[in-house]
Amino acid sequence: MRKITIIGAGQAGLQLGIGLLSKGYHVTLVSNRSGEDIARGRVMSSQSMYDMAVGYERALGLAWWDDTCPPIAGVHMRAGNSAGETFVDWRSRMRAPGQSVDQRIKMPAWMREFERRGGTLVIEEADLAALERYAESADLVLVASGKGEIGQLFERDAERSTFDRPMRTISLTYVHGMKPRSDYSALNISINPGIGEYVNFPSLTLSGPCDIINLECIPGGPMDRWNEVSTPAEHLELAVELIREFFPWEAPRCERLSLTDDLGTLVGRIPPTVRKPLGKLPSGRKVLGMADVLVLNDPITGQGSNNASKCAMLYLDAILAHGQRPFDADWMQQTFERYWEYAQWVARFTNTHLLPPPDRVMKVFGACGQNPALAGRVANAFDDPRSLSPWYYDDAEADRFLESFAQPA
């Protein structure tokens, strides 16, 4: 029985670990927090997931919230200004609904399931010495969560990293009391060019169905005021104030908001980064990174947990296909390159939204309002961003794409 050790008990690490257990591998999972610690802690992300990624959970028997988590049925995108004038406004259902389950619910439940299926769960803050210990005893060590000295094992890939600094100050707010949409639940995206973005969708949290608000604030801009906040109540107050000022068309849904809990807020900055996949330990042994450790995106397009699920499934298939052969550096590099074949399109999609919107993209978004088939195509790109290429990134291709959706006069 091959021995696999995974550092990190998030979406990627747990999904991969449980998948390997189902195939007869001996799996050790190392987490710096227990399930109880996670359940009692602060929200960690917004974790919107779409059909392909949730489908991988279902294949492993891990999608336990289909009946209780409110669906994300479609996409509604708007762009406008602080005067309330909108120059883009379109909506479309997706082929299949997505969902967002608070990781304070999902991760503890999956940790219990991991142990129930025979996995070894170790609660410790893994450092380089711990990695050396695990690398000596395991056939393969995967790093699915890494900060400090572990994170420094994976060199930044300057050629594949578009930015070298955070492009947004990000605030998450978990709320009850948002006025329901009149049509269908949706991933609501509003853009105020040069100012920032509003992203909202339904979720399931510890206290039941809720909504998550993600405000993406251009650093140093008029929305970047989170240094003024010191209490949960002030956080909510500022969030509502910013929505009223910069996204007034969304304000009527936000008149009676309350926090789901005092730990239902988060503020931070993420530098979008691609890292090289192999970490070399002092002994010379190598470990393989995965998911956010290697391809870290801003959450503006909601791809983080989707990437984690897809990376976990790809790594699972690669490990199974490798049989009893050694997990050498060539295999590690090739496995990451297969993941990068997908993840590069997610990074490109996300990074495009961190820059001033190109005219071609705004032209397509504008046309979506008059063409339901086109709107549906764009809405489903959140499930698979590969479908945006080449038209999202090339003026001539965008024109050809629009022509292919031209409606008869």
Protein backbone atom coordinates (compact mmCIF):
# COMPACT_ATOMS: atom_id res chain seq x y z
CA MET A 1 0.00 0.00 0.00
CA ARG A 2 1.53 3.31 -1.10
CA LYS A 3 1.85 6.04 1.50
CA ILE A 4 0.83 9.59 0.67
CA THR A 5 1.11 12.56 3.04
CA ILE A 6 -0.80 15.77 2.38
CA ILE A 7 -0.08 19.02 4.20
CA GLY A 8 -3.28 21.05 4.48
CA ALA A 9 -6.89 20.15 5.22
CA GLY A 10 -8.70 22.49 2.86
CA GLN A 11 -10.73 21.79 -0.26
CA ALA A 12 -7.81 20.37 -2.25
CA GLY A 13 -6.09 18.39 0.49
CA LEU A 14 -9.19 16.75 1.91
CA GLN A 15 -10.76 15.99 -1.46
CA LEU A 16 -7.56 14.38 -2.71
CA GLY A 17 -6.98 12.51 0.56
CA ILE A 18 -10.46 11.01 0.62
CA GLY A 19 -10.17 10.13 -3.05
CA LEU A 20 -6.92 8.27 -2.43
CA LEU A 21 -8.40 6.41 0.53
CA SER A 22 -11.17 5.14 -1.74
CA LYS A 23 -8.48 3.59 -3.96
CA GLY A 24 -6.66 1.80 -1.16
CA TYR A 25 -3.82 4.24 -0.43
CA HIS A 26 -2.54 4.92 3.07
CA VAL A 27 -3.03 8.65 3.55
CA THR A 28 -1.82 10.97 6.29
CA LEU A 29 -3.35 14.44 6.37
CA VAL A 30 -1.64 17.20 8.37
CA SER A 31 -3.67 20.20 9.50
CA ASN A 32 -2.65 23.11 11.70
CA ARG A 33 -6.20 23.26 13.08
CA SER A 34 -8.69 20.68 14.27
CA GLY A 35 -12.18 20.48 12.87
CA GLU A 36 -13.49 22.04 16.06
CA ASP A 37 -11.05 24.94 15.69
CA ILE A 38 -12.19 25.53 12.11
CA ALA A 39 -15.89 25.37 13.04
CA ARG A 40 -15.38 27.92 15.82
CA GLY A 41 -13.15 30.20 13.77
CA ARG A 42 -13.43 33.04 11.29
CA VAL A 43 -14.74 32.59 7.77
CA MET A 44 -11.92 31.64 5.44
CA SER A 45 -13.22 32.33 1.95
CA SER A 46 -16.28 32.83 -0.21
CA GLN A 47 -15.92 29.39 -1.90
CA SER A 48 -18.48 29.69 -4.71
CA MET A 49 -18.32 26.46 -6.72
CA TYR A 50 -19.85 25.54 -10.02
CA ASP A 51 -21.07 22.39 -11.69
CA MET A 52 -17.81 20.79 -12.79
CA ALA A 53 -16.09 21.24 -9.43
CA VAL A 54 -19.13 20.17 -7.40
CA GLY A 55 -19.43 17.19 -9.72
CA TYR A 56 -16.02 15.97 -8.60
CA GLU A 57 -17.25 16.12 -5.00
CA ARG A 58 -20.34 14.13 -5.98
CA ALA A 59 -18.17 11.48 -7.67
CA LEU A 60 -16.41 10.92 -4.32
CA GLY A 61 -19.64 10.89 -2.31
CA LEU A 62 -18.80 14.20 -0.66
CA ALA A 63 -21.50 16.59 -1.93
CA TRP A 64 -23.64 16.44 1.19
CA TRP A 65 -25.31 19.83 0.95
CA ASP A 66 -27.19 19.65 -2.36
CA ASP A 67 -30.53 19.70 -0.56
CA THR A 68 -29.72 22.37 2.02
CA CYS A 69 -27.38 24.85 0.32
CA PRO A 70 -29.22 27.53 -1.65
CA PRO A 71 -28.30 27.25 -5.35
CA ILE A 72 -26.43 29.77 -7.45
CA ALA A 73 -28.69 29.42 -10.48
CA GLY A 74 -27.30 32.05 -12.82
CA VAL A 75 -25.14 35.11 -13.40
CA HIS A 76 -26.23 38.76 -13.35
CA MET A 77 -23.57 41.23 -14.45
CA ARG A 78 -23.83 45.00 -14.37
CA ALA A 79 -21.43 47.89 -14.85
CA GLY A 80 -22.21 51.46 -13.97
CA ASN A 81 -21.23 54.52 -12.01
CA SER A 82 -21.91 56.06 -8.63
CA ALA A 83 -24.83 58.07 -10.05
CA GLY A 84 -26.68 54.80 -10.57
CA GLU A 85 -26.34 54.82 -14.37
CA THR A 86 -25.67 51.33 -15.77
CA PHE A 87 -24.18 50.77 -19.20
CA VAL A 88 -24.00 46.96 -18.94
CA ASP A 89 -26.88 44.88 -17.60
CA TRP A 90 -27.39 41.24 -18.51
CA ARG A 91 -28.36 38.00 -16.79
CA SER A 92 -28.54 34.33 -17.67
CA ARG A 93 -29.11 31.02 -16.00
CA MET A 94 -26.21 28.57 -15.96
CA ARG A 95 -26.50 25.04 -17.34
CA ALA A 96 -26.50 23.72 -13.79
CA PRO A 97 -26.55 25.51 -10.44
CA GLY A 98 -23.49 26.15 -8.31
CA GLN A 99 -23.25 26.36 -4.53
CA SER A 100 -21.22 27.84 -1.70
CA VAL A 101 -20.87 25.93 1.57
CA ASP A 102 -19.07 27.75 4.38
CA GLN A 103 -15.77 25.97 4.92
CA ARG A 104 -16.49 26.06 8.66
CA ILE A 105 -19.19 23.49 7.85
CA LYS A 106 -17.54 21.54 5.06
CA MET A 107 -13.97 21.07 6.30
CA PRO A 108 -14.81 19.67 9.78
CA ALA A 109 -17.34 17.29 8.20
CA TRP A 110 -14.82 16.10 5.63
CA MET A 111 -12.13 15.71 8.31
CA ARG A 112 -14.43 13.38 10.21
CA GLU A 113 -15.17 11.49 7.01
CA PHE A 114 -11.46 11.22 6.21
CA GLU A 115 -10.86 9.53 9.56
CA ARG A 116 -13.97 7.37 9.22
CA ARG A 117 -12.62 6.04 5.93
CA GLY A 118 -9.33 5.10 7.57
CA GLY A 119 -7.13 8.14 7.04
CA THR A 120 -4.63 9.38 9.62
CA LEU A 121 -5.28 12.97 10.68
CA VAL A 122 -2.42 14.79 12.42
CA ILE A 123 -2.96 18.18 14.04
CA GLU A 124 0.30 20.08 14.01
CA GLU A 125 1.92 23.18 12.54
CA ALA A 126 4.08 21.55 9.89
CA ASP A 127 7.52 23.13 9.45
CA LEU A 128 10.53 22.07 7.41
CA ALA A 129 11.55 19.51 10.01
CA ALA A 130 8.09 17.95 9.84
CA LEU A 131 8.24 17.88 6.05
CA GLU A 132 11.57 16.10 6.21
CA ARG A 133 10.07 13.54 8.56
CA TYR A 134 7.07 12.94 6.33
CA ALA A 135 9.14 12.87 3.13
CA GLU A 136 11.37 10.19 4.64
CA SER A 137 8.47 7.86 5.45
CA ALA A 138 6.03 8.54 2.58
CA ASP A 139 6.14 7.73 -1.11
CA LEU A 140 4.89 11.23 -1.91
CA VAL A 141 4.35 14.45 0.04
CA LEU A 142 1.93 17.03 -1.32
CA VAL A 143 1.66 20.56 0.04
CA ALA A 144 -1.89 21.92 -0.24
CA SER A 145 -1.42 24.70 2.30
CA GLY A 146 1.74 26.59 2.93
CA LYS A 147 2.79 29.73 4.74
CA GLY A 148 6.04 30.84 6.29
CA GLU A 149 9.00 28.63 5.60
CA ILE A 150 6.91 25.97 3.84
CA GLY A 151 5.48 28.52 1.42
CA GLN A 152 8.99 29.76 0.69
CA LEU A 153 9.89 26.32 -0.67
CA PHE A 154 7.99 27.12 -3.85
CA GLU A 155 9.71 29.74 -5.97
CA ARG A 156 7.62 32.41 -7.64
CA ASP A 157 7.40 31.81 -11.39
CA ALA A 158 8.10 35.26 -12.80
CA GLU A 159 7.21 34.25 -16.36
CA ARG A 160 3.77 32.99 -15.41
CA SER A 161 2.93 35.57 -12.73
CA THR A 162 1.21 38.63 -14.22
CA PHE A 163 1.37 40.76 -11.08
CA ASP A 164 3.88 41.23 -8.28
CA ARG A 165 1.51 42.82 -5.74
CA PRO A 166 -2.12 42.64 -4.59
CA MET A 167 -4.49 44.29 -7.04
CA ARG A 168 -7.46 44.58 -4.68
CA THR A 169 -8.26 45.01 -1.01
CA ILE A 170 -10.86 42.30 -0.45
CA SER A 171 -13.63 42.33 2.13
CA LEU A 172 -15.99 39.44 2.79
CA THR A 173 -19.25 39.89 4.68
CA TYR A 174 -21.58 37.00 5.52
CA VAL A 175 -25.11 38.35 6.00
CA HIS A 176 -28.71 37.47 6.68
CA GLY A 177 -31.59 39.63 5.56
CA MET A 178 -30.69 40.33 1.94
CA LYS A 179 -33.80 40.88 -0.13
CA PRO A 180 -34.26 37.92 -2.51
CA ARG A 181 -34.02 38.45 -6.23
CA SER A 182 -37.34 38.45 -8.06
CA ASP A 183 -36.25 35.96 -10.75
CA TYR A 184 -33.62 33.39 -9.71
CA SER A 185 -30.64 33.23 -7.40
CA ALA A 186 -27.44 34.40 -9.02
CA LEU A 187 -23.80 35.26 -8.89
CA ASN A 188 -24.25 39.03 -8.92
CA ILE A 189 -21.28 40.96 -10.29
CA SER A 190 -21.25 44.75 -10.48
CA ILE A 191 -18.34 46.80 -11.83
CA ASN A 192 -17.68 50.47 -11.14
CA PRO A 193 -14.68 51.00 -13.44
CA GLY A 194 -11.66 52.50 -11.72
CA ILE A 195 -13.28 52.07 -8.29
CA GLY A 196 -13.89 48.38 -7.66
CA GLU A 197 -16.35 45.52 -7.83
CA TYR A 198 -19.30 44.09 -5.90
CA VAL A 199 -19.78 40.32 -5.93
CA ASN A 200 -22.65 38.57 -4.14
CA PHE A 201 -24.21 35.12 -4.10
CA PRO A 202 -26.21 32.88 -1.75
CA SER A 203 -24.44 30.48 0.60
CA LEU A 204 -24.92 28.11 3.50
CA THR A 205 -23.30 29.02 6.81
CA LEU A 206 -23.42 27.82 10.42
CA SER A 207 -26.72 29.63 11.05
CA GLY A 208 -28.36 28.49 7.81
CA PRO A 209 -28.86 30.02 4.35
CA CYS A 210 -27.17 33.41 3.94
CA ASP A 211 -25.59 35.71 1.40
CA ILE A 212 -21.92 36.52 0.92
CA ILE A 213 -20.83 39.98 -0.18
CA ASN A 214 -17.35 40.36 -1.61
CA LEU A 215 -16.24 43.96 -2.15
CA GLU A 216 -13.15 44.23 -4.34
CA CYS A 217 -11.54 47.62 -3.71
CA ILE A 218 -8.77 49.10 -5.82
CA PRO A 219 -5.93 49.80 -3.35
CA GLY A 220 -5.78 53.44 -2.37
CA GLY A 221 -9.11 54.16 -4.06
CA PRO A 222 -12.29 55.52 -2.50
CA MET A 223 -13.54 52.04 -1.51
CA ASP A 224 -10.31 51.09 0.23
CA ARG A 225 -11.37 52.24 3.70
CA TRP A 226 -11.11 49.02 5.68
CA ASN A 227 -8.42 50.45 7.95
CA GLU A 228 -11.26 52.50 9.49
CA VAL A 229 -12.99 49.34 10.75
CA SER A 230 -12.32 47.79 14.15
CA THR A 231 -15.53 45.88 15.05
CA PRO A 232 -17.88 43.52 13.18
CA ALA A 233 -20.67 46.11 13.38
CA GLU A 234 -18.42 48.75 11.80
CA HIS A 235 -17.45 46.29 9.07
CA LEU A 236 -21.10 45.73 8.13
CA GLU A 237 -21.86 49.44 8.31
CA LEU A 238 -18.99 50.29 5.96
CA ALA A 239 -19.94 47.51 3.53
CA VAL A 240 -23.50 48.87 3.24
CA GLU A 241 -22.20 52.43 2.90
CA LEU A 242 -19.89 51.46 0.04
CA ILE A 243 -22.67 49.58 -1.74
CA ARG A 244 -24.98 52.58 -1.51
CA GLU A 245 -22.29 54.92 -2.82
CA PHE A 246 -20.68 52.90 -5.57
CA PHE A 247 -23.27 50.26 -6.53
CA PRO A 248 -26.58 52.02 -5.86
CA TRP A 249 -28.54 49.59 -8.04
CA GLU A 250 -27.67 46.84 -5.50
CA ALA A 251 -28.54 48.95 -2.43
CA PRO A 252 -32.29 48.10 -2.27
CA ARG A 253 -31.43 44.45 -1.58
CA CYS A 254 -29.11 45.47 1.27
CA GLU A 255 -31.37 47.62 3.44
CA ARG A 256 -31.92 45.12 6.26
CA LEU A 257 -28.68 43.22 6.56
CA SER A 258 -27.30 41.65 9.70
CA LEU A 259 -24.11 39.67 10.15
CA THR A 260 -24.46 35.91 10.31
CA ASP A 261 -21.99 35.97 13.23
CA ASP A 262 -19.19 38.13 14.58
CA LEU A 263 -16.64 35.97 12.75
CA GLY A 264 -18.47 36.29 9.44
CA THR A 265 -16.15 39.00 8.11
CA LEU A 266 -12.73 38.99 6.53
CA VAL A 267 -10.43 41.62 5.05
CA GLY A 268 -7.19 40.99 3.20
CA ARG A 269 -5.06 41.38 0.11
CA ILE A 270 -3.94 38.55 -2.15
CA PRO A 271 -1.02 38.94 -4.56
CA PRO A 272 -1.99 36.81 -7.61
CA THR A 273 0.96 34.46 -7.96
CA VAL A 274 2.07 31.39 -9.88
CA ARG A 275 4.79 29.32 -8.24
CA LYS A 276 7.06 26.55 -9.45
CA PRO A 277 5.68 23.17 -8.37
CA LEU A 278 8.66 21.47 -6.72
CA GLY A 279 9.82 22.31 -3.24
CA LYS A 280 13.32 21.12 -2.40
CA LEU A 281 13.96 20.26 1.25
CA PRO A 282 17.37 20.72 2.93
CA SER A 283 17.93 16.97 2.60
CA GLY A 284 17.41 17.18 -1.16
CA ARG A 285 14.06 15.39 -1.05
CA LYS A 286 11.29 17.00 -3.08
CA VAL A 287 7.66 17.74 -2.32
CA LEU A 288 4.93 18.75 -4.76
CA GLY A 289 2.66 21.76 -4.27
CA MET A 290 -0.94 21.90 -5.40
CA ALA A 291 -3.93 24.22 -5.85
CA ASP A 292 -3.57 27.68 -4.22
CA VAL A 293 -0.01 26.97 -3.12
CA LEU A 294 1.00 27.07 -6.79
CA VAL A 295 -1.70 29.10 -8.55
CA LEU A 296 -3.14 31.78 -6.31
CA ASN A 297 -5.85 34.00 -7.82
CA ASP A 298 -7.73 37.00 -6.54
CA PRO A 299 -11.30 35.89 -5.67
CA ILE A 300 -12.90 38.43 -8.03
CA THR A 301 -14.10 35.65 -10.40
CA GLY A 302 -14.80 33.09 -7.67
CA GLN A 303 -12.43 30.42 -8.94
CA GLY A 304 -10.37 29.42 -5.88
CA SER A 305 -12.37 26.45 -4.60
CA ASN A 306 -13.15 25.39 -8.17
CA ASN A 307 -9.43 25.28 -8.92
CA ALA A 308 -8.81 23.30 -5.74
CA SER A 309 -11.41 20.68 -6.64
CA LYS A 310 -10.16 20.35 -10.21
CA CYS A 311 -6.52 20.16 -9.11
CA ALA A 312 -7.37 17.47 -6.57
CA MET A 313 -9.11 15.36 -9.19
CA LEU A 314 -6.30 15.77 -11.71
CA TYR A 315 -3.68 14.86 -9.10
CA LEU A 316 -5.76 11.87 -8.02
CA ASP A 317 -5.88 10.56 -11.58
CA ALA A 318 -2.14 11.15 -12.04
CA ILE A 319 -1.24 9.29 -8.84
CA LEU A 320 -3.44 6.34 -9.72
CA ALA A 321 -2.06 6.14 -13.26
CA HIS A 322 1.53 6.16 -11.97
CA GLY A 323 1.13 2.82 -10.23
CA GLN A 324 4.16 1.65 -8.24
CA ARG A 325 6.74 3.82 -10.00
CA PRO A 326 8.66 6.43 -7.98
CA PHE A 327 7.15 9.91 -7.71
CA ASP A 328 10.27 11.61 -9.05
CA ALA A 329 10.84 15.23 -10.05
CA ASP A 330 9.88 14.60 -13.68
CA TRP A 331 6.54 13.13 -12.64
CA MET A 332 5.90 16.05 -10.28
CA GLN A 333 6.66 18.63 -12.98
CA GLN A 334 4.55 16.83 -15.59
CA THR A 335 1.64 16.52 -13.17
CA PHE A 336 1.68 20.23 -12.47
CA GLU A 337 1.98 21.06 -16.18
CA ARG A 338 -1.21 19.08 -16.80
CA TYR A 339 -2.90 21.15 -14.13
CA TRP A 340 -1.47 24.36 -15.57
CA GLU A 341 -3.02 23.51 -18.94
CA TYR A 342 -6.32 24.26 -17.22
CA ALA A 343 -5.29 26.71 -14.49
CA GLN A 344 -3.60 29.14 -16.90
CA TRP A 345 -7.01 30.02 -18.34
CA VAL A 346 -8.43 30.67 -14.89
CA ALA A 347 -5.49 32.94 -14.09
CA ARG A 348 -5.90 34.80 -17.38
CA PHE A 349 -9.66 35.22 -16.86
CA THR A 350 -9.17 36.49 -13.32
CA ASN A 351 -6.26 38.78 -14.12
CA THR A 352 -8.22 40.38 -16.97
CA HIS A 353 -10.83 41.46 -14.41
CA LEU A 354 -8.18 43.06 -12.22
CA LEU A 355 -7.26 45.54 -14.95
CA PRO A 356 -9.43 48.22 -16.59
CA PRO A 357 -12.01 46.30 -18.65
CA PRO A 358 -10.86 46.04 -22.30
CA ASP A 359 -13.21 47.54 -24.88
CA ARG A 360 -13.74 44.14 -26.51
CA VAL A 361 -14.93 42.63 -23.21
CA MET A 362 -17.28 45.52 -22.55
CA LYS A 363 -18.58 45.17 -26.11
CA VAL A 364 -19.37 41.49 -25.49
CA PHE A 365 -20.93 42.24 -22.10
CA GLY A 366 -23.05 44.96 -23.68
CA ALA A 367 -24.26 42.58 -26.41
CA CYS A 368 -25.21 39.96 -23.80
CA GLY A 369 -28.09 42.21 -22.73
CA GLN A 370 -29.77 41.77 -26.13
CA ASN A 371 -28.75 38.20 -26.91
CA PRO A 372 -29.74 35.43 -24.45
CA ALA A 373 -27.65 32.77 -26.22
CA LEU A 374 -24.55 34.94 -25.93
CA ALA A 375 -25.31 35.72 -22.28
CA GLY A 376 -25.65 32.01 -21.55
CA ARG A 377 -22.28 31.30 -23.13
CA VAL A 378 -20.57 33.92 -20.97
CA ALA A 379 -22.40 32.85 -17.80
CA ASN A 380 -21.24 29.25 -18.19
CA ALA A 381 -17.63 30.38 -18.54
CA PHE A 382 -17.52 30.71 -14.75
CA ASP A 383 -17.78 26.92 -14.64
CA ASP A 384 -15.05 26.46 -17.26
CA PRO A 385 -12.99 29.58 -18.10
CA ARG A 386 -11.27 27.76 -20.96
CA SER A 387 -14.36 28.52 -23.03
CA LEU A 388 -13.45 32.23 -23.02
CA SER A 389 -10.46 31.68 -25.29
CA PRO A 390 -9.62 33.15 -27.74
CA TRP A 391 -12.33 35.79 -28.02
CA TYR A 392 -11.98 37.22 -24.51
CA TYR A 393 -8.36 38.16 -25.15
CA ASP A 394 -8.23 39.24 -28.79
CA ASP A 395 -10.12 42.09 -30.51
CA ALA A 396 -10.56 40.36 -33.86
CA GLU A 397 -11.64 37.10 -32.23
CA ALA A 398 -14.15 39.00 -30.09
CA ASP A 399 -15.70 40.49 -33.23
CA ARG A 400 -15.88 37.07 -34.85
CA PHE A 401 -17.41 35.64 -31.69
CA LEU A 402 -20.09 38.32 -31.64
CA GLU A 403 -20.82 37.75 -35.32
CA SER A 404 -21.40 34.05 -34.64
CA PHE A 405 -24.24 35.05 -32.30
CA ALA A 406 -25.74 37.63 -34.66
CA GLN A 407 -29.52 37.38 -34.75
CA PRO A 408 -31.40 37.57 -38.07
CA ALA A 409 -32.92 40.97 -38.81
